[in-house]
Amino acid sequence: MTIPRLLVVDDDEDMRSMMTRFLHRSGFAALPAGTEAEIRAHLEAGRIDLILLDVMLGDENGTEICARLRRDQDVPVIFVSALSADHQRMAGYEVGADDYIAKPFNPDLLIARVRAVLHRAQRTPSLAYRRRTETYRFAGWVYDARRDEVRSPEGFEVALSRRETALLKVLLANPRIPLTREEIAAALDVAGDGTDQPGRAIDVLVGRLRGKIERNPRDPQLLRTERGLGYVLATDVTTEEA
């Protein structure tokens, strides 16, 4: 249920903004960056699942940045560049890029390539962790993923519906990361009721979950509203292997 977090690296502000908005609408969490320093800051601040990296970054060179990243990072990298000659593509692959997309590109093709690289990157870990069961702890609450049980700080089991549990899993996988209603809807495969937008269905679902995990649902401290954006689980989450 983890929403992939992508880093869009381009020195053109308009291109960064366009790609970031498009990725958000496609169900990803997308963050902008324009320099190697900003890339490093994002990597240190939280999880990044894939980097979309331009080759020409003003005074910096994306190929050299990728080579340096490969010394201490295994995050997948897709080059997105106007440089499309064979030797330029090979240079990208030689420094460890996972894919290379030439500008201008078909947006749907970009999404397909992003998903393919994420799938390749996650397939081995997902098989390795398939037998792992974890306990999630947050603000005194405990979620037992093996038993699918939620316990309050006082030790009482709280019954959640299947949809409420799925929402909780999305939040636990993305603590302190503001998520749009569209990102949550995509992760939960919520399409709305046919008369309303998926965002309204998410609002209702969030309200129901708040009613079960908040001491005062009218003044939520755990599942907070990010005005103009969506929602955030505003607490740290720790995990334990069972």
C-alpha atoms as a PDB file:
ATOM      1  CA  MET A   1       0.000   0.000   0.000  1.00  0.00           C
ATOM      2  CA  THR A   2       3.049   2.286   0.007  1.00  0.00           C
ATOM      3  CA  ILE A   3       2.666   5.200  -2.396  1.00  0.00           C
ATOM      4  CA  PRO A   4       5.860   5.487  -4.491  1.00  0.00           C
ATOM      5  CA  ARG A   5       7.795   8.688  -3.820  1.00  0.00           C
ATOM      6  CA  LEU A   6       9.514  10.052  -6.921  1.00  0.00           C
ATOM      7  CA  LEU A   7      12.084  12.827  -7.155  1.00  0.00           C
ATOM      8  CA  VAL A   8      11.822  14.985 -10.291  1.00  0.00           C
ATOM      9  CA  VAL A   9      15.222  16.581 -10.985  1.00  0.00           C
ATOM     10  CA  ASP A  10      15.330  19.264 -13.670  1.00  0.00           C
ATOM     11  CA  ASP A  11      16.777  22.783 -13.749  1.00  0.00           C
ATOM     12  CA  ASP A  12      13.778  24.007 -15.757  1.00  0.00           C
ATOM     13  CA  GLU A  13      11.178  25.091 -13.199  1.00  0.00           C
ATOM     14  CA  ASP A  14       8.300  24.792 -15.668  1.00  0.00           C
ATOM     15  CA  MET A  15       9.306  21.231 -16.605  1.00  0.00           C
ATOM     16  CA  ARG A  16       9.664  20.259 -12.927  1.00  0.00           C
ATOM     17  CA  SER A  17       6.249  21.672 -12.142  1.00  0.00           C
ATOM     18  CA  MET A  18       4.577  20.005 -15.127  1.00  0.00           C
ATOM     19  CA  MET A  19       6.080  16.595 -14.404  1.00  0.00           C
ATOM     20  CA  THR A  20       5.347  16.838 -10.688  1.00  0.00           C
ATOM     21  CA  ARG A  21       1.681  17.672 -11.278  1.00  0.00           C
ATOM     22  CA  PHE A  22       1.304  14.906 -13.839  1.00  0.00           C
ATOM     23  CA  LEU A  23       2.870  12.324 -11.528  1.00  0.00           C
ATOM     24  CA  HIS A  24       0.603  13.412  -8.671  1.00  0.00           C
ATOM     25  CA  ARG A  25      -2.437  12.910 -10.876  1.00  0.00           C
ATOM     26  CA  SER A  26      -1.116   9.453 -11.779  1.00  0.00           C
ATOM     27  CA  GLY A  27      -1.035   8.313  -8.160  1.00  0.00           C
ATOM     28  CA  PHE A  28       2.578   9.040  -7.176  1.00  0.00           C
ATOM     29  CA  ALA A  29       4.033  11.325  -4.539  1.00  0.00           C
ATOM     30  CA  ALA A  30       6.359  13.600  -6.558  1.00  0.00           C
ATOM     31  CA  LEU A  31       8.931  16.000  -5.159  1.00  0.00           C
ATOM     32  CA  PRO A  32      10.907  18.607  -7.147  1.00  0.00           C
ATOM     33  CA  ALA A  33      14.667  19.194  -7.123  1.00  0.00           C
ATOM     34  CA  GLY A  34      17.036  21.215  -9.285  1.00  0.00           C
ATOM     35  CA  THR A  35      20.538  20.470  -7.984  1.00  0.00           C
ATOM     36  CA  GLU A  36      22.608  17.642  -6.520  1.00  0.00           C
ATOM     37  CA  ALA A  37      22.439  19.339  -3.118  1.00  0.00           C
ATOM     38  CA  GLU A  38      18.639  19.242  -3.238  1.00  0.00           C
ATOM     39  CA  ILE A  39      18.730  15.567  -4.290  1.00  0.00           C
ATOM     40  CA  ARG A  40      20.907  14.744  -1.282  1.00  0.00           C
ATOM     41  CA  ALA A  41      18.653  16.746   1.038  1.00  0.00           C
ATOM     42  CA  HIS A  42      15.592  14.791  -0.094  1.00  0.00           C
ATOM     43  CA  LEU A  43      17.396  11.449   0.262  1.00  0.00           C
ATOM     44  CA  GLU A  44      18.424  12.337   3.807  1.00  0.00           C
ATOM     45  CA  ALA A  45      14.958  13.639   4.729  1.00  0.00           C
ATOM     46  CA  GLY A  46      12.975  10.538   3.815  1.00  0.00           C
ATOM     47  CA  ARG A  47      12.283   7.621   1.514  1.00  0.00           C
ATOM     48  CA  ILE A  48      12.763   8.154  -2.230  1.00  0.00           C
ATOM     49  CA  ASP A  49      11.738   5.229  -4.443  1.00  0.00           C
ATOM     50  CA  LEU A  50      12.895   6.526  -7.835  1.00  0.00           C
ATOM     51  CA  ILE A  51      14.690   9.553  -9.306  1.00  0.00           C
ATOM     52  CA  LEU A  52      13.794  11.092 -12.675  1.00  0.00           C
ATOM     53  CA  LEU A  53      17.016  12.861 -13.564  1.00  0.00           C
ATOM     54  CA  ASP A  54      17.764  15.320 -16.363  1.00  0.00           C
ATOM     55  CA  VAL A  55      21.252  15.095 -17.864  1.00  0.00           C
ATOM     56  CA  MET A  56      21.752  18.840 -18.314  1.00  0.00           C
ATOM     57  CA  LEU A  57      21.309  20.677 -14.999  1.00  0.00           C
ATOM     58  CA  GLY A  58      22.752  24.130 -15.620  1.00  0.00           C
ATOM     59  CA  ASP A  59      26.292  24.026 -14.242  1.00  0.00           C
ATOM     60  CA  GLU A  60      25.880  20.419 -13.094  1.00  0.00           C
ATOM     61  CA  ASN A  61      25.941  17.198 -15.072  1.00  0.00           C
ATOM     62  CA  GLY A  62      23.280  14.563 -14.411  1.00  0.00           C
ATOM     63  CA  THR A  63      25.509  11.718 -15.582  1.00  0.00           C
ATOM     64  CA  GLU A  64      28.180  12.669 -13.051  1.00  0.00           C
ATOM     65  CA  ILE A  65      25.550  13.059 -10.333  1.00  0.00           C
ATOM     66  CA  CYS A  66      24.228   9.571 -11.049  1.00  0.00           C
ATOM     67  CA  ALA A  67      27.738   8.129 -10.866  1.00  0.00           C
ATOM     68  CA  ARG A  68      28.245   9.737  -7.436  1.00  0.00           C
ATOM     69  CA  LEU A  69      24.853   8.557  -6.204  1.00  0.00           C
ATOM     70  CA  ARG A  70      25.710   4.991  -7.161  1.00  0.00           C
ATOM     71  CA  ARG A  71      28.600   5.036  -4.658  1.00  0.00           C
ATOM     72  CA  ASP A  72      26.217   5.093  -1.684  1.00  0.00           C
ATOM     73  CA  GLN A  73      22.653   4.788  -3.003  1.00  0.00           C
ATOM     74  CA  ASP A  74      20.705   2.030  -4.743  1.00  0.00           C
ATOM     75  CA  VAL A  75      17.613   4.130  -5.536  1.00  0.00           C
ATOM     76  CA  PRO A  76      16.519   3.545  -9.159  1.00  0.00           C
ATOM     77  CA  VAL A  77      17.353   6.341 -11.618  1.00  0.00           C
ATOM     78  CA  ILE A  78      15.657   7.111 -14.938  1.00  0.00           C
ATOM     79  CA  PHE A  79      17.323   9.725 -17.129  1.00  0.00           C
ATOM     80  CA  VAL A  80      14.874  12.087 -18.834  1.00  0.00           C
ATOM     81  CA  SER A  81      16.854  14.125 -21.332  1.00  0.00           C
ATOM     82  CA  ALA A  82      16.809  15.945 -24.655  1.00  0.00           C
ATOM     83  CA  LEU A  83      20.149  14.229 -25.353  1.00  0.00           C
ATOM     84  CA  SER A  84      19.062  11.080 -27.146  1.00  0.00           C
ATOM     85  CA  ALA A  85      22.014   9.908 -29.216  1.00  0.00           C
ATOM     86  CA  ASP A  86      23.113   6.310 -28.706  1.00  0.00           C
ATOM     87  CA  HIS A  87      26.429   7.262 -27.082  1.00  0.00           C
ATOM     88  CA  GLN A  88      24.599   9.570 -24.662  1.00  0.00           C
ATOM     89  CA  ARG A  89      22.177   6.818 -23.703  1.00  0.00           C
ATOM     90  CA  MET A  90      25.088   4.396 -23.219  1.00  0.00           C
ATOM     91  CA  ALA A  91      26.849   6.912 -20.983  1.00  0.00           C
ATOM     92  CA  GLY A  92      23.748   6.970 -18.805  1.00  0.00           C
ATOM     93  CA  TYR A  93      23.525   3.202 -18.548  1.00  0.00           C
ATOM     94  CA  GLU A  94      27.259   2.932 -17.848  1.00  0.00           C
ATOM     95  CA  VAL A  95      26.951   5.068 -14.700  1.00  0.00           C
ATOM     96  CA  GLY A  96      24.106   2.927 -13.377  1.00  0.00           C
ATOM     97  CA  ALA A  97      20.868   4.379 -14.779  1.00  0.00           C
ATOM     98  CA  ASP A  98      17.934   1.960 -14.869  1.00  0.00           C
ATOM     99  CA  ASP A  99      16.304   3.521 -17.940  1.00  0.00           C
ATOM    100  CA  TYR A 100      16.680   6.456 -20.337  1.00  0.00           C
ATOM    101  CA  ILE A 101      13.754   8.448 -21.795  1.00  0.00           C
ATOM    102  CA  ALA A 102      14.257  11.082 -24.480  1.00  0.00           C
ATOM    103  CA  LYS A 103      12.475  14.452 -24.446  1.00  0.00           C
ATOM    104  CA  PRO A 104       9.915  15.202 -25.702  1.00  0.00           C
ATOM    105  CA  PHE A 105       8.174  12.114 -24.379  1.00  0.00           C
ATOM    106  CA  ASN A 106       4.697  10.633 -24.331  1.00  0.00           C
ATOM    107  CA  PRO A 107       3.418  11.123 -20.742  1.00  0.00           C
ATOM    108  CA  ASP A 108       1.740   7.708 -20.741  1.00  0.00           C
ATOM    109  CA  LEU A 109       5.010   6.117 -21.829  1.00  0.00           C
ATOM    110  CA  LEU A 110       6.789   7.866 -18.958  1.00  0.00           C
ATOM    111  CA  ILE A 111       4.327   6.405 -16.450  1.00  0.00           C
ATOM    112  CA  ALA A 112       4.687   2.934 -17.979  1.00  0.00           C
ATOM    113  CA  ARG A 113       8.490   3.101 -17.752  1.00  0.00           C
ATOM    114  CA  VAL A 114       8.360   4.425 -14.172  1.00  0.00           C
ATOM    115  CA  ARG A 115       6.086   1.567 -13.116  1.00  0.00           C
ATOM    116  CA  ALA A 116       8.276  -0.986 -14.879  1.00  0.00           C
ATOM    117  CA  VAL A 117      11.423   0.222 -13.111  1.00  0.00           C
ATOM    118  CA  LEU A 118       9.638   0.341  -9.740  1.00  0.00           C
ATOM    119  CA  HIS A 119       8.351  -3.188 -10.331  1.00  0.00           C
ATOM    120  CA  ARG A 120      11.850  -4.480 -11.103  1.00  0.00           C
ATOM    121  CA  ALA A 121      13.274  -2.708  -8.065  1.00  0.00           C
ATOM    122  CA  GLN A 122      10.597  -3.992  -5.692  1.00  0.00           C
ATOM    123  CA  ARG A 123      10.107  -7.532  -6.976  1.00  0.00           C
ATOM    124  CA  THR A 124      13.100  -9.098  -5.240  1.00  0.00           C
ATOM    125  CA  PRO A 125      12.525  -7.333  -1.908  1.00  0.00           C
ATOM    126  CA  SER A 126       8.811  -8.146  -2.031  1.00  0.00           C
ATOM    127  CA  LEU A 127       9.570 -11.853  -2.467  1.00  0.00           C
ATOM    128  CA  ALA A 128      12.120 -11.709   0.348  1.00  0.00           C
ATOM    129  CA  TYR A 129       9.692 -10.007   2.728  1.00  0.00           C
ATOM    130  CA  ARG A 130       6.629 -12.021   1.766  1.00  0.00           C
ATOM    131  CA  ARG A 131       6.925 -14.127   4.900  1.00  0.00           C
ATOM    132  CA  ARG A 132       7.734 -11.209   7.178  1.00  0.00           C
ATOM    133  CA  THR A 133       5.069  -9.999   9.520  1.00  0.00           C
ATOM    134  CA  GLU A 134       5.427  -6.689  11.255  1.00  0.00           C
ATOM    135  CA  THR A 135       4.033  -4.799  14.190  1.00  0.00           C
ATOM    136  CA  TYR A 136       3.533  -1.087  13.675  1.00  0.00           C
ATOM    137  CA  ARG A 137       3.621   1.278  16.666  1.00  0.00           C
ATOM    138  CA  PHE A 138       2.453   4.877  16.516  1.00  0.00           C
ATOM    139  CA  ALA A 139       1.541   7.266  19.348  1.00  0.00           C
ATOM    140  CA  GLY A 140       0.894   4.353  21.714  1.00  0.00           C
ATOM    141  CA  TRP A 141      -1.239   2.481  19.166  1.00  0.00           C
ATOM    142  CA  VAL A 142      -0.259  -0.961  17.836  1.00  0.00           C
ATOM    143  CA  TYR A 143      -1.194  -2.504  14.505  1.00  0.00           C
ATOM    144  CA  ASP A 144      -0.416  -6.223  14.196  1.00  0.00           C
ATOM    145  CA  ALA A 145      -0.153  -6.832  10.429  1.00  0.00           C
ATOM    146  CA  ARG A 146      -0.073 -10.611  10.821  1.00  0.00           C
ATOM    147  CA  ARG A 147      -3.340 -10.742  12.740  1.00  0.00           C
ATOM    148  CA  ASP A 148      -4.762  -7.573  11.199  1.00  0.00           C
ATOM    149  CA  GLU A 149      -5.512  -6.231  14.688  1.00  0.00           C
ATOM    150  CA  VAL A 150      -5.422  -2.690  16.040  1.00  0.00           C
ATOM    151  CA  ARG A 151      -4.948  -2.001  19.761  1.00  0.00           C
ATOM    152  CA  SER A 152      -5.385   1.322  21.519  1.00  0.00           C
ATOM    153  CA  PRO A 153      -2.793   2.775  23.924  1.00  0.00           C
ATOM    154  CA  GLU A 154      -4.968   1.350  26.733  1.00  0.00           C
ATOM    155  CA  GLY A 155      -4.659  -2.136  25.215  1.00  0.00           C
ATOM    156  CA  PHE A 156      -8.208  -2.431  23.856  1.00  0.00           C
ATOM    157  CA  GLU A 157      -8.718  -3.956  20.431  1.00  0.00           C
ATOM    158  CA  VAL A 158     -10.445  -1.582  18.013  1.00  0.00           C
ATOM    159  CA  ALA A 159     -12.444  -3.076  15.160  1.00  0.00           C
ATOM    160  CA  LEU A 160     -11.770  -1.524  11.750  1.00  0.00           C
ATOM    161  CA  SER A 161     -13.513  -2.276   8.483  1.00  0.00           C
ATOM    162  CA  ARG A 162     -11.477  -3.635   5.605  1.00  0.00           C
ATOM    163  CA  ARG A 163     -11.426  -0.215   3.931  1.00  0.00           C
ATOM    164  CA  GLU A 164     -10.463   1.544   7.176  1.00  0.00           C
ATOM    165  CA  THR A 165      -7.631  -0.949   7.672  1.00  0.00           C
ATOM    166  CA  ALA A 166      -6.412  -0.336   4.112  1.00  0.00           C
ATOM    167  CA  LEU A 167      -6.369   3.419   4.753  1.00  0.00           C
ATOM    168  CA  LEU A 168      -4.448   2.898   7.991  1.00  0.00           C
ATOM    169  CA  LYS A 169      -1.866   0.800   6.138  1.00  0.00           C
ATOM    170  CA  VAL A 170      -1.333   3.582   3.582  1.00  0.00           C
ATOM    171  CA  LEU A 171      -0.827   6.104   6.380  1.00  0.00           C
ATOM    172  CA  LEU A 172       1.536   3.835   8.338  1.00  0.00           C
ATOM    173  CA  ALA A 173       3.639   3.324   5.203  1.00  0.00           C
ATOM    174  CA  ASN A 174       3.908   7.101   4.706  1.00  0.00           C
ATOM    175  CA  PRO A 175       4.217   8.714   8.158  1.00  0.00           C
ATOM    176  CA  ARG A 176       4.558  12.507   8.276  1.00  0.00           C
ATOM    177  CA  ILE A 177       4.207  12.648   4.472  1.00  0.00           C
ATOM    178  CA  PRO A 178       1.266  14.801   3.323  1.00  0.00           C
ATOM    179  CA  LEU A 179      -0.836  12.792   0.875  1.00  0.00           C
ATOM    180  CA  THR A 180      -3.365  14.190  -1.541  1.00  0.00           C
ATOM    181  CA  ARG A 181      -6.859  12.726  -1.708  1.00  0.00           C
ATOM    182  CA  GLU A 182      -6.031  11.553  -5.232  1.00  0.00           C
ATOM    183  CA  GLU A 183      -2.917   9.698  -4.050  1.00  0.00           C
ATOM    184  CA  ILE A 184      -4.858   7.968  -1.289  1.00  0.00           C
ATOM    185  CA  ALA A 185      -7.705   7.114  -3.659  1.00  0.00           C
ATOM    186  CA  ALA A 186      -5.245   5.607  -6.147  1.00  0.00           C
ATOM    187  CA  ALA A 187      -3.584   3.522  -3.430  1.00  0.00           C
ATOM    188  CA  LEU A 188      -6.970   2.238  -2.216  1.00  0.00           C
ATOM    189  CA  ASP A 189      -8.429   1.888  -5.717  1.00  0.00           C
ATOM    190  CA  VAL A 190     -11.324   4.169  -4.736  1.00  0.00           C
ATOM    191  CA  ALA A 191     -13.301   5.400  -7.733  1.00  0.00           C
ATOM    192  CA  GLY A 192     -16.138   7.233  -5.973  1.00  0.00           C
ATOM    193  CA  ASP A 193     -19.787   6.283  -6.013  1.00  0.00           C
ATOM    194  CA  GLY A 194     -20.524   7.309  -9.583  1.00  0.00           C
ATOM    195  CA  THR A 195     -22.017  10.667  -8.577  1.00  0.00           C
ATOM    196  CA  ASP A 196     -19.141  12.176  -6.652  1.00  0.00           C
ATOM    197  CA  GLN A 197     -15.373  12.475  -6.968  1.00  0.00           C
ATOM    198  CA  PRO A 198     -13.077   9.944  -5.237  1.00  0.00           C
ATOM    199  CA  GLY A 199     -11.869  12.762  -2.957  1.00  0.00           C
ATOM    200  CA  ARG A 200     -15.246  12.910  -1.238  1.00  0.00           C
ATOM    201  CA  ALA A 201     -15.151   9.163  -0.602  1.00  0.00           C
ATOM    202  CA  ILE A 202     -11.704   9.614   0.973  1.00  0.00           C
ATOM    203  CA  ASP A 203     -13.002  12.419   3.208  1.00  0.00           C
ATOM    204  CA  VAL A 204     -15.766  10.127   4.486  1.00  0.00           C
ATOM    205  CA  LEU A 205     -13.313   7.265   5.055  1.00  0.00           C
ATOM    206  CA  VAL A 206     -10.889   9.519   6.925  1.00  0.00           C
ATOM    207  CA  GLY A 207     -13.744  10.712   9.133  1.00  0.00           C
ATOM    208  CA  ARG A 208     -14.646   7.134  10.011  1.00  0.00           C
ATOM    209  CA  LEU A 209     -11.047   6.220  10.867  1.00  0.00           C
ATOM    210  CA  ARG A 210     -10.682   9.360  12.984  1.00  0.00           C
ATOM    211  CA  GLY A 211     -13.758   8.329  14.921  1.00  0.00           C
ATOM    212  CA  LYS A 212     -11.911   5.184  15.990  1.00  0.00           C
ATOM    213  CA  ILE A 213      -8.311   6.309  16.601  1.00  0.00           C
ATOM    214  CA  GLU A 214      -8.627   9.952  17.701  1.00  0.00           C
ATOM    215  CA  ARG A 215      -9.408  10.939  21.290  1.00  0.00           C
ATOM    216  CA  ASN A 216     -11.315  13.911  19.894  1.00  0.00           C
ATOM    217  CA  PRO A 217     -12.242  13.395  16.226  1.00  0.00           C
ATOM    218  CA  ARG A 218     -13.230  17.080  15.974  1.00  0.00           C
ATOM    219  CA  ASP A 219      -9.672  18.072  16.911  1.00  0.00           C
ATOM    220  CA  PRO A 220      -7.564  15.305  15.331  1.00  0.00           C
ATOM    221  CA  GLN A 221      -3.960  15.011  16.466  1.00  0.00           C
ATOM    222  CA  LEU A 222      -2.932  11.860  14.570  1.00  0.00           C
ATOM    223  CA  LEU A 223      -4.697  12.018  11.221  1.00  0.00           C
ATOM    224  CA  ARG A 224      -4.511  15.702  10.404  1.00  0.00           C
ATOM    225  CA  THR A 225      -5.852  17.681   7.495  1.00  0.00           C
ATOM    226  CA  GLU A 226      -3.288  19.386   5.264  1.00  0.00           C
ATOM    227  CA  ARG A 227      -5.239  22.432   4.119  1.00  0.00           C
ATOM    228  CA  GLY A 228      -5.481  22.623   0.352  1.00  0.00           C
ATOM    229  CA  LEU A 229      -3.789  19.236  -0.076  1.00  0.00           C
ATOM    230  CA  GLY A 230      -5.139  16.226   1.785  1.00  0.00           C
ATOM    231  CA  TYR A 231      -4.137  14.355   4.928  1.00  0.00           C
ATOM    232  CA  VAL A 232      -1.042  13.375   6.924  1.00  0.00           C
ATOM    233  CA  LEU A 233      -0.339  10.874   9.704  1.00  0.00           C
ATOM    234  CA  ALA A 234       1.329  13.358  12.052  1.00  0.00           C
ATOM    235  CA  THR A 235       3.332  10.954  14.192  1.00  0.00           C
ATOM    236  CA  ASP A 236       6.377   8.728  13.950  1.00  0.00           C
ATOM    237  CA  VAL A 237       5.916   5.049  13.142  1.00  0.00           C
ATOM    238  CA  THR A 238       8.194   2.223  14.237  1.00  0.00           C
ATOM    239  CA  THR A 239       8.061  -1.372  12.983  1.00  0.00           C
ATOM    240  CA  GLU A 240       9.082  -4.672  14.520  1.00  0.00           C
ATOM    241  CA  GLU A 241       9.499  -8.028  12.838  1.00  0.00           C
ATOM    242  CA  ALA A 242       7.288 -10.664  14.397  1.00  0.00           C
END
